[in-house]
Protein backbone atom coordinates (compact mmCIF):
# COMPACT_ATOMS: atom_id res chain seq x y z
CA MET A 1 117.19 122.21 108.95
CA ASN A 2 118.44 125.89 108.98
CA GLU A 3 119.42 127.48 105.67
CA PRO A 4 122.88 126.25 104.69
CA LEU A 5 125.91 128.48 103.87
CA ILE A 6 126.46 128.42 100.26
CA LEU A 7 129.80 129.46 98.94
CA GLU A 8 129.67 130.12 95.10
CA PRO A 9 132.71 129.59 92.98
CA THR A 10 134.47 132.29 90.91
CA SER A 11 133.58 130.41 87.56
CA ALA A 12 130.14 129.09 86.68
CA ALA A 13 129.46 126.15 89.01
CA ASP A 14 129.54 122.68 87.42
CA ALA A 15 130.05 120.60 90.60
CA CYS A 16 129.05 120.77 94.30
CA VAL A 17 130.41 119.66 97.63
CA ILE A 18 127.78 119.27 100.40
CA TRP A 19 129.91 119.17 103.71
CA LEU A 20 128.31 118.57 107.07
CA HIS A 21 129.99 119.65 110.27
CA GLY A 22 130.42 117.71 113.44
CA LEU A 23 128.53 117.56 116.81
CA GLY A 24 128.40 121.12 118.57
CA ALA A 25 129.98 122.92 115.59
CA ASP A 26 128.18 125.09 112.91
CA ARG A 27 127.90 125.79 109.29
CA HIS A 28 131.05 128.00 109.32
CA ASP A 29 133.34 125.35 110.79
CA PHE A 30 134.57 124.11 107.46
CA GLU A 31 134.22 127.49 105.68
CA PRO A 32 137.92 128.30 105.67
CA VAL A 33 138.74 124.78 104.13
CA ALA A 34 136.18 125.06 101.53
CA ARG A 35 137.33 128.54 100.53
CA SER A 36 140.95 127.31 100.21
CA LEU A 37 139.71 124.31 98.17
CA GLN A 38 137.81 126.77 95.73
CA GLN A 39 141.14 128.31 94.97
CA VAL A 40 142.19 125.17 93.29
CA MET A 41 138.80 124.01 92.08
CA PRO A 42 137.23 127.45 90.82
CA SER A 43 133.99 125.85 89.46
CA VAL A 44 132.90 123.91 92.48
CA ARG A 45 130.11 125.07 94.76
CA PHE A 46 130.27 124.26 98.50
CA ILE A 47 127.24 123.98 100.59
CA LEU A 48 127.69 123.93 104.27
CA PRO A 49 124.56 122.79 106.04
CA GLN A 50 123.61 123.86 109.63
CA ALA A 51 122.40 121.17 112.23
CA PRO A 52 119.37 122.10 114.48
CA ARG A 53 120.05 122.49 118.15
CA ARG A 54 118.83 119.70 120.28
CA PRO A 55 119.54 118.01 123.66
CA VAL A 56 122.49 115.48 123.33
CA THR A 57 122.27 112.62 125.98
CA ILE A 58 126.09 111.80 125.94
CA ASN A 59 126.72 115.52 126.72
CA ARG A 60 124.54 115.64 129.83
CA GLY A 61 121.45 116.70 127.90
CA TRP A 62 122.81 120.05 126.96
CA GLU A 63 121.56 121.62 123.79
CA MET A 64 123.92 122.03 120.84
CA PRO A 65 123.94 121.70 117.14
CA SER A 66 123.38 118.04 116.44
CA TRP A 67 122.35 116.02 113.56
CA TYR A 68 120.97 113.38 115.84
CA ASP A 69 121.01 112.48 119.66
CA ILE A 70 123.64 110.24 120.72
CA LEU A 71 122.56 107.89 123.59
CA ALA A 72 125.91 106.17 124.00
CA MET A 73 129.32 105.96 122.15
CA SER A 74 128.61 102.68 120.16
CA PRO A 75 129.01 101.45 116.70
CA THR A 76 125.27 100.44 116.56
CA SER A 77 122.19 102.23 115.61
CA ARG A 78 120.79 101.23 119.16
CA ALA A 79 122.90 103.94 120.63
CA ILE A 80 121.43 106.87 118.58
CA ASP A 81 118.07 108.59 117.77
CA THR A 82 117.54 106.79 114.51
CA PRO A 83 114.65 108.80 113.31
CA GLN A 84 116.61 112.05 113.73
CA LEU A 85 119.47 110.75 111.76
CA GLU A 86 116.91 109.77 109.03
CA GLU A 87 115.46 113.31 109.01
CA SER A 88 119.13 114.72 108.60
CA ALA A 89 119.93 112.17 105.86
CA GLN A 90 116.65 113.31 104.01
CA SER A 91 117.60 117.02 104.44
CA VAL A 92 120.84 116.01 102.50
CA ILE A 93 118.90 114.17 99.91
CA GLY A 94 116.97 117.45 99.42
CA LEU A 95 120.04 119.50 98.93
CA ILE A 96 121.09 117.06 96.34
CA GLU A 97 117.95 117.35 94.59
CA ARG A 98 117.97 121.16 94.67
CA GLN A 99 121.56 121.20 93.07
CA ARG A 100 120.36 118.48 90.47
CA ASP A 101 117.41 120.69 89.67
CA ALA A 102 119.66 123.75 89.48
CA GLY A 103 121.73 121.99 86.68
CA ILE A 104 124.40 120.20 88.57
CA ASP A 105 124.81 116.53 87.49
CA PRO A 106 124.57 114.40 90.51
CA ALA A 107 127.68 112.53 89.35
CA ARG A 108 129.58 115.68 90.18
CA ILE A 109 127.98 116.08 93.65
CA VAL A 110 130.46 114.89 96.46
CA LEU A 111 128.99 114.41 99.98
CA ALA A 112 131.36 115.05 102.89
CA GLY A 113 131.04 114.94 106.68
CA PHE A 114 133.10 115.22 109.82
CA SER A 115 132.20 113.11 112.83
CA GLN A 116 128.60 112.90 113.28
CA GLY A 117 128.12 114.64 109.90
CA GLY A 118 130.04 111.97 108.46
CA ALA A 119 127.56 109.20 109.89
CA VAL A 120 124.81 111.20 108.34
CA VAL A 121 126.35 111.44 104.66
CA LEU A 122 127.37 107.62 104.81
CA HIS A 123 123.88 106.78 105.70
CA ALA A 124 122.40 109.14 102.98
CA ALA A 125 124.72 107.96 100.25
CA PHE A 126 124.56 104.32 100.63
CA LEU A 127 121.17 103.52 102.22
CA ARG A 128 118.88 106.31 101.19
CA TRP A 129 120.05 108.10 97.84
CA ASN A 130 119.06 106.07 94.71
CA GLY A 131 120.95 108.10 92.14
CA PRO A 132 124.52 108.58 91.20
CA LEU A 133 126.99 110.65 93.12
CA GLY A 134 130.59 112.01 92.67
CA GLY A 135 131.82 110.46 95.99
CA VAL A 136 131.77 110.60 99.67
CA MET A 137 134.38 111.89 102.08
CA ALA A 138 134.13 110.50 105.60
CA LEU A 139 136.26 112.43 108.07
CA SER A 140 136.92 111.11 111.68
CA THR A 141 133.55 109.36 111.48
CA TYR A 142 131.71 106.01 111.99
CA ALA A 143 128.64 104.47 110.49
CA PRO A 144 126.06 103.46 113.19
CA THR A 145 123.46 102.36 110.58
CA PHE A 146 125.87 99.87 108.74
CA SER A 147 125.01 96.31 109.73
CA ALA A 148 125.83 92.74 108.46
CA GLU A 149 122.41 92.16 107.08
CA ILE A 150 122.44 95.08 104.85
CA VAL A 151 122.66 94.69 101.16
CA LEU A 152 123.95 97.54 99.03
CA ALA A 153 122.47 98.38 95.67
CA PRO A 154 124.77 97.11 92.89
CA GLU A 155 125.42 100.73 91.65
CA LYS A 156 126.89 101.64 95.01
CA ARG A 157 129.98 99.47 94.08
CA HIS A 158 130.96 102.32 91.74
CA LEU A 159 130.80 105.11 94.56
CA PRO A 160 134.25 106.14 95.50
CA VAL A 161 134.86 106.90 99.13
CA LEU A 162 137.70 108.54 100.99
CA HIS A 163 137.92 107.75 104.77
CA LEU A 164 140.19 110.00 106.82
CA HIS A 165 140.89 109.33 110.59
CA GLY A 166 143.25 110.30 113.33
CA SER A 167 145.20 107.63 115.08
CA HIS A 168 145.02 109.64 118.31
CA ASP A 169 141.13 110.28 117.93
CA ASP A 170 139.69 109.92 121.57
CA VAL A 171 136.17 111.07 120.52
CA VAL A 172 135.48 108.65 117.67
CA PRO A 173 137.98 105.86 118.06
CA MET A 174 139.81 104.90 114.82
CA ALA A 175 138.44 101.29 115.24
CA LEU A 176 134.86 102.60 114.51
CA GLY A 177 136.20 104.52 111.37
CA ARG A 178 137.98 101.46 110.21
CA ALA A 179 134.98 99.29 110.64
CA ALA A 180 132.95 101.61 108.36
CA HIS A 181 135.69 101.36 105.82
CA ASP A 182 135.87 97.66 106.10
CA PHE A 183 132.25 97.21 105.69
CA LEU A 184 132.14 99.13 102.40
CA ALA A 185 135.51 97.36 101.08
CA ALA A 186 133.94 93.98 101.92
CA ARG A 187 131.01 94.86 99.40
CA GLY A 188 133.19 96.00 96.78
CA VAL A 189 132.99 99.62 97.26
CA PRO A 190 136.18 101.71 96.15
CA VAL A 191 137.13 103.04 99.40
CA GLU A 192 140.44 104.53 100.31
CA TRP A 193 141.79 104.85 103.95
CA ARG A 194 144.07 107.69 105.11
CA GLU A 195 145.39 107.64 108.63
CA TYR A 196 147.08 110.76 110.27
CA PRO A 197 148.86 111.25 113.63
CA MET A 198 146.28 113.49 115.03
CA GLY A 199 143.24 113.45 117.35
CA HIS A 200 139.55 114.53 116.52
CA GLU A 201 140.58 117.28 114.06
CA VAL A 202 141.55 118.23 110.68
CA VAL A 203 145.03 118.90 109.80
CA PRO A 204 146.90 120.59 106.75
CA ARG A 205 148.23 117.21 105.28
CA GLU A 206 144.69 115.96 105.39
CA VAL A 207 143.21 118.99 103.56
CA GLN A 208 146.00 118.47 100.90
CA ASP A 209 144.87 114.97 100.47
CA ILE A 210 141.20 116.00 100.27
CA ALA A 211 142.11 118.49 97.47
CA ASP A 212 143.94 115.82 95.41
CA TRP A 213 141.21 113.36 95.66
CA LEU A 214 138.51 116.11 94.79
CA ARG A 215 140.53 117.23 91.97
CA GLN A 216 140.50 113.62 90.50
CA ARG A 217 136.78 113.57 90.68
CA LEU A 218 135.65 116.96 90.00
CA GLY A 219 138.55 118.44 87.98
């Protein structure tokens, strides 16, 4: 993975948000949102990773920033390059560990991801990371690696999740996002659902809801 964009806060950092962009975007995609959030959370460091460029099957094999290849739009892992997703999830875990080693309590680290980036952080947070976390924000995303036979570790029932999705999303249908939410809710995870009259995007009302949710957890 390329070096992430790191936005240092104006006060000494005591919390961190690691935020993954979506397919075809880059590490600057959520920079304006992150900077606006730092105005109300001046001690939160934002880390914006950059996905590698690789061919994407559903986009005619064109190369673009991608956390993993997508073979078909489907809710299952059979439609993606799972080893690439695993590699991306491990890179997220590496970022968590670097922040922990730099003095940030993992319980004050939030993972966030939009679209494909959200699939990576859901996988990393619930199926690969063994320690505490401050929460997960899943924006306009789905969870191709969640399946009925998965048993979550007991401590995952204390990991708060905010799912946000557009009711007019024609890229990641809202039903896929809702399925990820329902999977977690059925296993006792404290997960919230927010729905907006939007497409595959981020709108100001959503950013305000994100700010409120983050302030409750990171102060």
